[in-house]
């Protein structure tokens, strides 16, 4: 459930890597736990209203082949910009090192209010 809470706290217009989610959730093994985050997103995104599109690979690239166009469009709707390589500009839109270290409970972003459905 810690992974779910970290995912629900990703701010509008920001992205985070699978591995960073695992780290913030207290998972001890970076590579294996990044895959665990991917499994949680795959199996629980609808149930827990997780903003799955805000999670990218550690290099800023989109990891989902089958939904890459949708993920990019959702991120662009939030103002996230991409580099010429197609990766998210992590320097501008990645979550910084202070995220999750405030000691207080994560604030849930009501992300559905931000989306435009075309």
N, C-alpha and C. Protein backbone atom coordinates (compact mmCIF):
# COMPACT_ATOMS: atom_id res chain seq x y z
N UNK A 1 0.82 -1.19 0.00
CA UNK A 1 0.00 0.00 0.00
C UNK A 1 0.86 1.26 0.00
N UNK A 2 2.09 1.16 0.46
CA UNK A 2 2.97 2.34 0.43
C UNK A 2 3.24 2.77 -1.01
N UNK A 3 3.37 1.82 -1.91
CA UNK A 3 3.56 2.16 -3.32
C UNK A 3 2.35 2.93 -3.82
N UNK A 4 1.17 2.48 -3.48
CA UNK A 4 -0.06 3.16 -3.90
C UNK A 4 -0.08 4.59 -3.36
N UNK A 5 0.29 4.77 -2.11
CA UNK A 5 0.27 6.11 -1.51
C UNK A 5 1.27 7.05 -2.19
N UNK A 6 2.45 6.54 -2.50
CA UNK A 6 3.43 7.37 -3.22
C UNK A 6 2.88 7.74 -4.59
N UNK A 7 2.32 6.78 -5.29
CA UNK A 7 1.77 7.05 -6.62
C UNK A 7 0.65 8.08 -6.56
N UNK A 8 -0.20 7.99 -5.56
CA UNK A 8 -1.32 8.92 -5.45
C UNK A 8 -0.86 10.33 -5.10
N UNK A 9 0.35 10.49 -4.61
CA UNK A 9 0.84 11.79 -4.20
C UNK A 9 1.66 12.51 -5.27
N UNK A 10 1.82 11.91 -6.45
CA UNK A 10 2.59 12.55 -7.52
C UNK A 10 1.83 13.81 -7.96
N UNK A 11 2.47 14.96 -7.88
CA UNK A 11 1.77 16.21 -8.22
C UNK A 11 1.44 16.34 -9.71
N UNK A 12 0.41 17.07 -9.98
CA UNK A 12 0.00 17.44 -11.33
C UNK A 12 1.18 18.11 -12.04
N UNK A 13 1.43 17.71 -13.29
CA UNK A 13 2.49 18.32 -14.08
C UNK A 13 3.88 17.86 -13.75
N UNK A 14 4.00 16.78 -12.99
CA UNK A 14 5.31 16.24 -12.62
C UNK A 14 5.37 14.75 -12.95
N UNK A 15 6.58 14.23 -13.07
CA UNK A 15 6.77 12.80 -13.31
C UNK A 15 7.79 12.25 -12.32
N UNK A 16 7.78 10.94 -12.21
CA UNK A 16 8.69 10.24 -11.31
C UNK A 16 9.03 8.90 -11.95
N UNK A 17 10.19 8.37 -11.64
CA UNK A 17 10.56 7.07 -12.20
C UNK A 17 10.02 5.93 -11.34
N UNK A 18 9.91 4.77 -11.96
CA UNK A 18 9.47 3.57 -11.25
C UNK A 18 10.37 3.30 -10.04
N UNK A 19 11.68 3.41 -10.25
CA UNK A 19 12.63 3.14 -9.18
C UNK A 19 12.52 4.12 -8.03
N UNK A 20 12.27 5.40 -8.34
CA UNK A 20 12.11 6.42 -7.29
C UNK A 20 10.85 6.16 -6.48
N UNK A 21 9.77 5.72 -7.14
CA UNK A 21 8.56 5.36 -6.41
C UNK A 21 8.88 4.24 -5.42
N UNK A 22 9.58 3.22 -5.90
CA UNK A 22 9.94 2.09 -5.04
C UNK A 22 10.78 2.56 -3.85
N UNK A 23 11.73 3.42 -4.12
CA UNK A 23 12.60 3.95 -3.06
C UNK A 23 11.78 4.71 -2.01
N UNK A 24 10.89 5.58 -2.46
CA UNK A 24 10.08 6.37 -1.53
C UNK A 24 9.10 5.50 -0.74
N UNK A 25 8.70 4.38 -1.33
CA UNK A 25 7.79 3.46 -0.65
C UNK A 25 8.53 2.55 0.33
N UNK A 26 9.85 2.66 0.38
CA UNK A 26 10.63 1.87 1.32
C UNK A 26 11.03 0.50 0.82
N UNK A 27 10.95 0.29 -0.47
CA UNK A 27 11.35 -1.00 -1.05
C UNK A 27 12.87 -1.07 -1.13
N UNK A 28 13.48 -2.18 -0.71
CA UNK A 28 14.94 -2.26 -0.60
C UNK A 28 15.73 -2.59 -1.87
N UNK A 29 15.07 -3.16 -2.90
CA UNK A 29 15.82 -3.61 -4.08
C UNK A 29 15.40 -2.80 -5.28
N UNK A 30 16.26 -1.93 -5.76
CA UNK A 30 15.87 -0.96 -6.79
C UNK A 30 15.31 -1.59 -8.07
N UNK A 31 16.04 -2.45 -8.73
CA UNK A 31 15.58 -3.02 -10.01
C UNK A 31 14.33 -3.87 -9.87
N UNK A 32 14.37 -4.80 -8.94
CA UNK A 32 13.22 -5.69 -8.74
C UNK A 32 12.01 -4.90 -8.26
N UNK A 33 12.23 -3.92 -7.41
CA UNK A 33 11.12 -3.17 -6.87
C UNK A 33 10.55 -2.17 -7.87
N UNK A 34 11.35 -1.73 -8.82
CA UNK A 34 10.82 -0.90 -9.91
C UNK A 34 9.82 -1.72 -10.72
N UNK A 35 10.12 -3.00 -10.92
CA UNK A 35 9.18 -3.89 -11.60
C UNK A 35 7.92 -4.10 -10.75
N UNK A 36 8.08 -4.14 -9.44
CA UNK A 36 6.92 -4.25 -8.55
C UNK A 36 6.01 -3.04 -8.72
N UNK A 37 6.59 -1.85 -8.84
CA UNK A 37 5.81 -0.64 -9.06
C UNK A 37 5.02 -0.76 -10.37
N UNK A 38 5.67 -1.27 -11.40
CA UNK A 38 4.99 -1.46 -12.69
C UNK A 38 3.82 -2.42 -12.54
N UNK A 39 3.99 -3.48 -11.77
CA UNK A 39 2.90 -4.44 -11.55
C UNK A 39 1.74 -3.79 -10.78
N UNK A 40 2.07 -2.98 -9.78
CA UNK A 40 1.02 -2.28 -9.02
C UNK A 40 0.25 -1.35 -9.95
N UNK A 41 0.96 -0.62 -10.77
CA UNK A 41 0.29 0.28 -11.71
C UNK A 41 -0.62 -0.50 -12.66
N UNK A 42 -0.12 -1.61 -13.15
CA UNK A 42 -0.90 -2.42 -14.10
C UNK A 42 -2.17 -2.99 -13.44
N UNK A 43 -2.05 -3.46 -12.22
CA UNK A 43 -3.17 -4.16 -11.59
C UNK A 43 -4.08 -3.28 -10.74
N UNK A 44 -3.60 -2.10 -10.32
CA UNK A 44 -4.39 -1.31 -9.37
C UNK A 44 -4.70 0.11 -9.80
N UNK A 45 -4.29 0.52 -10.99
CA UNK A 45 -4.51 1.91 -11.41
C UNK A 45 -5.97 2.32 -11.38
N UNK A 46 -6.84 1.48 -11.91
CA UNK A 46 -8.27 1.82 -11.92
C UNK A 46 -8.87 1.76 -10.52
N UNK A 47 -8.56 0.72 -9.79
CA UNK A 47 -9.14 0.53 -8.46
C UNK A 47 -8.81 1.69 -7.52
N UNK A 48 -7.57 2.18 -7.57
CA UNK A 48 -7.12 3.22 -6.66
C UNK A 48 -6.97 4.58 -7.33
N UNK A 49 -7.44 4.72 -8.54
CA UNK A 49 -7.34 5.99 -9.29
C UNK A 49 -5.91 6.52 -9.30
N UNK A 50 -5.00 5.69 -9.74
CA UNK A 50 -3.58 6.05 -9.76
C UNK A 50 -3.23 6.79 -11.05
N UNK A 51 -2.49 7.88 -10.95
CA UNK A 51 -2.08 8.62 -12.15
C UNK A 51 -0.89 7.93 -12.83
N UNK A 52 -1.16 6.82 -13.47
CA UNK A 52 -0.15 5.95 -14.06
C UNK A 52 0.73 6.68 -15.07
N UNK A 53 0.18 7.66 -15.78
CA UNK A 53 0.91 8.34 -16.85
C UNK A 53 2.04 9.21 -16.32
N UNK A 54 2.05 9.49 -15.03
CA UNK A 54 3.10 10.32 -14.43
C UNK A 54 4.34 9.52 -14.05
N UNK A 55 4.36 8.23 -14.33
CA UNK A 55 5.49 7.37 -14.01
C UNK A 55 6.20 7.00 -15.31
N UNK A 56 7.50 7.29 -15.35
CA UNK A 56 8.31 7.06 -16.54
C UNK A 56 9.57 6.27 -16.16
N UNK A 57 10.31 5.86 -17.16
CA UNK A 57 11.59 5.19 -16.91
C UNK A 57 12.59 6.20 -16.32
N UNK A 58 13.67 5.69 -15.75
CA UNK A 58 14.63 6.56 -15.07
C UNK A 58 15.30 7.55 -16.02
N UNK A 59 15.26 7.29 -17.33
CA UNK A 59 15.84 8.23 -18.30
C UNK A 59 14.79 9.21 -18.83
N UNK A 60 13.57 9.13 -18.30
CA UNK A 60 12.50 10.02 -18.73
C UNK A 60 11.68 9.50 -19.90
N UNK A 61 12.05 8.36 -20.42
CA UNK A 61 11.29 7.82 -21.56
C UNK A 61 10.04 7.11 -21.06
N UNK A 62 9.09 6.98 -21.96
CA UNK A 62 7.84 6.31 -21.66
C UNK A 62 8.05 4.81 -21.79
N UNK A 63 7.63 4.08 -20.76
CA UNK A 63 7.86 2.64 -20.74
C UNK A 63 6.76 1.80 -21.35
N UNK A 64 5.60 2.39 -21.53
CA UNK A 64 4.47 1.62 -22.04
C UNK A 64 4.40 1.71 -23.55
N UNK A 65 4.58 0.60 -24.22
CA UNK A 65 4.51 0.62 -25.68
C UNK A 65 3.07 0.79 -26.16
N UNK A 66 2.16 0.02 -25.56
CA UNK A 66 0.79 0.01 -26.05
C UNK A 66 0.01 1.28 -25.71
N UNK A 67 0.47 2.07 -24.76
CA UNK A 67 -0.25 3.29 -24.38
C UNK A 67 0.65 4.53 -24.43
N UNK A 68 1.74 4.45 -25.18
CA UNK A 68 2.70 5.56 -25.18
C UNK A 68 2.10 6.85 -25.72
N UNK A 69 1.29 6.78 -26.76
CA UNK A 69 0.67 8.00 -27.30
C UNK A 69 -0.28 8.62 -26.28
N UNK A 70 -1.07 7.79 -25.62
CA UNK A 70 -1.99 8.29 -24.60
C UNK A 70 -1.22 8.89 -23.43
N UNK A 71 -0.18 8.21 -22.98
CA UNK A 71 0.61 8.72 -21.86
C UNK A 71 1.22 10.07 -22.21
N UNK A 72 1.78 10.17 -23.39
CA UNK A 72 2.37 11.44 -23.81
C UNK A 72 1.31 12.54 -23.86
N UNK A 73 0.15 12.23 -24.42
CA UNK A 73 -0.91 13.23 -24.51
C UNK A 73 -1.38 13.70 -23.13
N UNK A 74 -1.53 12.76 -22.21
CA UNK A 74 -1.95 13.12 -20.85
C UNK A 74 -0.90 14.00 -20.16
N UNK A 75 0.36 13.66 -20.35
CA UNK A 75 1.42 14.48 -19.76
C UNK A 75 1.46 15.87 -20.38
N UNK A 76 1.30 15.94 -21.69
CA UNK A 76 1.29 17.24 -22.36
C UNK A 76 0.11 18.09 -21.90
N UNK A 77 -1.03 17.46 -21.62
CA UNK A 77 -2.18 18.19 -21.09
C UNK A 77 -1.87 18.83 -19.74
N UNK A 78 -0.94 18.22 -19.01
CA UNK A 78 -0.55 18.75 -17.71
C UNK A 78 0.61 19.75 -17.84
N UNK A 79 1.04 20.03 -19.07
CA UNK A 79 2.11 20.99 -19.28
C UNK A 79 3.51 20.41 -19.28
N UNK A 80 3.62 19.09 -19.21
CA UNK A 80 4.92 18.42 -19.23
C UNK A 80 5.47 18.47 -20.64
N UNK A 81 6.73 18.86 -20.76
CA UNK A 81 7.36 18.97 -22.08
C UNK A 81 8.36 17.84 -22.29
N UNK A 82 8.56 17.52 -23.55
CA UNK A 82 9.45 16.43 -23.93
C UNK A 82 10.66 16.98 -24.67
N UNK A 83 11.77 16.29 -24.55
CA UNK A 83 12.99 16.62 -25.28
C UNK A 83 12.89 16.10 -26.70
N UNK A 84 13.81 16.48 -27.55
CA UNK A 84 13.83 16.01 -28.93
C UNK A 84 13.94 14.48 -29.00
N UNK A 85 14.53 13.87 -27.99
CA UNK A 85 14.68 12.41 -27.95
C UNK A 85 13.36 11.70 -27.69
N UNK A 86 12.34 12.44 -27.26
CA UNK A 86 11.05 11.85 -26.92
C UNK A 86 10.88 11.58 -25.44
N UNK A 87 11.94 11.83 -24.66
CA UNK A 87 11.87 11.63 -23.21
C UNK A 87 11.36 12.90 -22.53
N UNK A 88 10.78 12.75 -21.36
CA UNK A 88 10.36 13.89 -20.56
C UNK A 88 11.60 14.65 -20.11
N UNK A 89 11.52 15.96 -20.08
CA UNK A 89 12.60 16.80 -19.57
C UNK A 89 12.59 16.67 -18.04
N UNK A 90 13.36 15.71 -17.52
CA UNK A 90 13.36 15.43 -16.09
C UNK A 90 13.91 16.58 -15.26
N UNK A 91 14.81 17.39 -15.83
CA UNK A 91 15.33 18.53 -15.09
C UNK A 91 14.23 19.51 -14.74
N UNK A 92 13.25 19.63 -15.60
CA UNK A 92 12.15 20.58 -15.38
C UNK A 92 10.92 19.95 -14.77
N UNK A 93 10.64 18.69 -15.10
CA UNK A 93 9.37 18.09 -14.72
C UNK A 93 9.49 16.87 -13.81
N UNK A 94 10.71 16.44 -13.57
CA UNK A 94 10.90 15.32 -12.65
C UNK A 94 10.75 15.76 -11.21
N UNK A 95 10.35 14.85 -10.37
CA UNK A 95 10.19 15.16 -8.95
C UNK A 95 11.56 15.23 -8.32
N UNK A 96 11.79 16.29 -7.57
CA UNK A 96 13.09 16.53 -6.95
C UNK A 96 13.37 15.65 -5.76
N UNK A 97 14.57 15.76 -5.22
CA UNK A 97 15.00 14.88 -4.13
C UNK A 97 14.24 15.11 -2.83
N UNK A 98 13.61 16.26 -2.64
CA UNK A 98 12.89 16.52 -1.41
C UNK A 98 11.50 15.92 -1.36
N UNK A 99 11.02 15.41 -2.48
CA UNK A 99 9.67 14.86 -2.54
C UNK A 99 9.54 13.66 -1.61
N UNK A 100 8.50 13.67 -0.81
CA UNK A 100 8.24 12.54 0.07
C UNK A 100 9.01 12.57 1.37
N UNK A 101 9.81 13.60 1.61
CA UNK A 101 10.63 13.63 2.81
C UNK A 101 10.10 14.61 3.86
N UNK A 102 8.88 15.09 3.70
CA UNK A 102 8.33 16.06 4.64
C UNK A 102 7.89 15.43 5.95
N UNK A 103 7.67 14.12 5.94
CA UNK A 103 7.26 13.45 7.15
C UNK A 103 5.76 13.44 7.37
N UNK A 104 5.02 14.18 6.57
CA UNK A 104 3.57 14.20 6.72
C UNK A 104 2.94 13.24 5.72
N UNK A 105 1.68 12.98 5.92
CA UNK A 105 0.97 12.08 5.00
C UNK A 105 0.91 12.68 3.61
N UNK A 106 0.95 11.82 2.63
CA UNK A 106 0.88 12.28 1.23
C UNK A 106 -0.48 12.88 0.94
N UNK A 107 -0.46 13.99 0.22
CA UNK A 107 -1.72 14.61 -0.20
C UNK A 107 -2.11 14.02 -1.54
N UNK A 108 -3.32 13.57 -1.63
CA UNK A 108 -3.79 12.93 -2.85
C UNK A 108 -4.22 14.00 -3.84
N UNK A 109 -3.69 13.92 -5.04
CA UNK A 109 -4.07 14.83 -6.11
C UNK A 109 -5.32 14.31 -6.78
N UNK A 110 -6.34 15.14 -6.87
CA UNK A 110 -7.56 14.72 -7.57
C UNK A 110 -7.32 14.95 -9.06
N UNK A 111 -6.52 14.08 -9.65
CA UNK A 111 -6.04 14.26 -11.02
C UNK A 111 -7.16 14.27 -12.04
N UNK A 112 -8.27 13.63 -11.75
CA UNK A 112 -9.35 13.57 -12.73
C UNK A 112 -9.90 14.96 -13.06
N UNK A 113 -9.80 15.89 -12.13
CA UNK A 113 -10.29 17.25 -12.38
C UNK A 113 -9.46 17.97 -13.44
N UNK A 114 -8.24 17.50 -13.69
CA UNK A 114 -7.33 18.19 -14.60
C UNK A 114 -7.43 17.70 -16.04
N UNK A 115 -8.04 16.57 -16.26
CA UNK A 115 -8.01 15.96 -17.59
C UNK A 115 -9.09 16.47 -18.50
N UNK A 116 -8.72 16.62 -19.75
CA UNK A 116 -9.69 16.92 -20.80
C UNK A 116 -9.87 15.64 -21.59
N UNK A 117 -11.08 15.26 -21.80
CA UNK A 117 -11.37 14.08 -22.61
C UNK A 117 -11.84 14.55 -23.97
N UNK A 118 -11.08 14.18 -24.99
CA UNK A 118 -11.41 14.59 -26.36
C UNK A 118 -12.20 13.54 -27.08
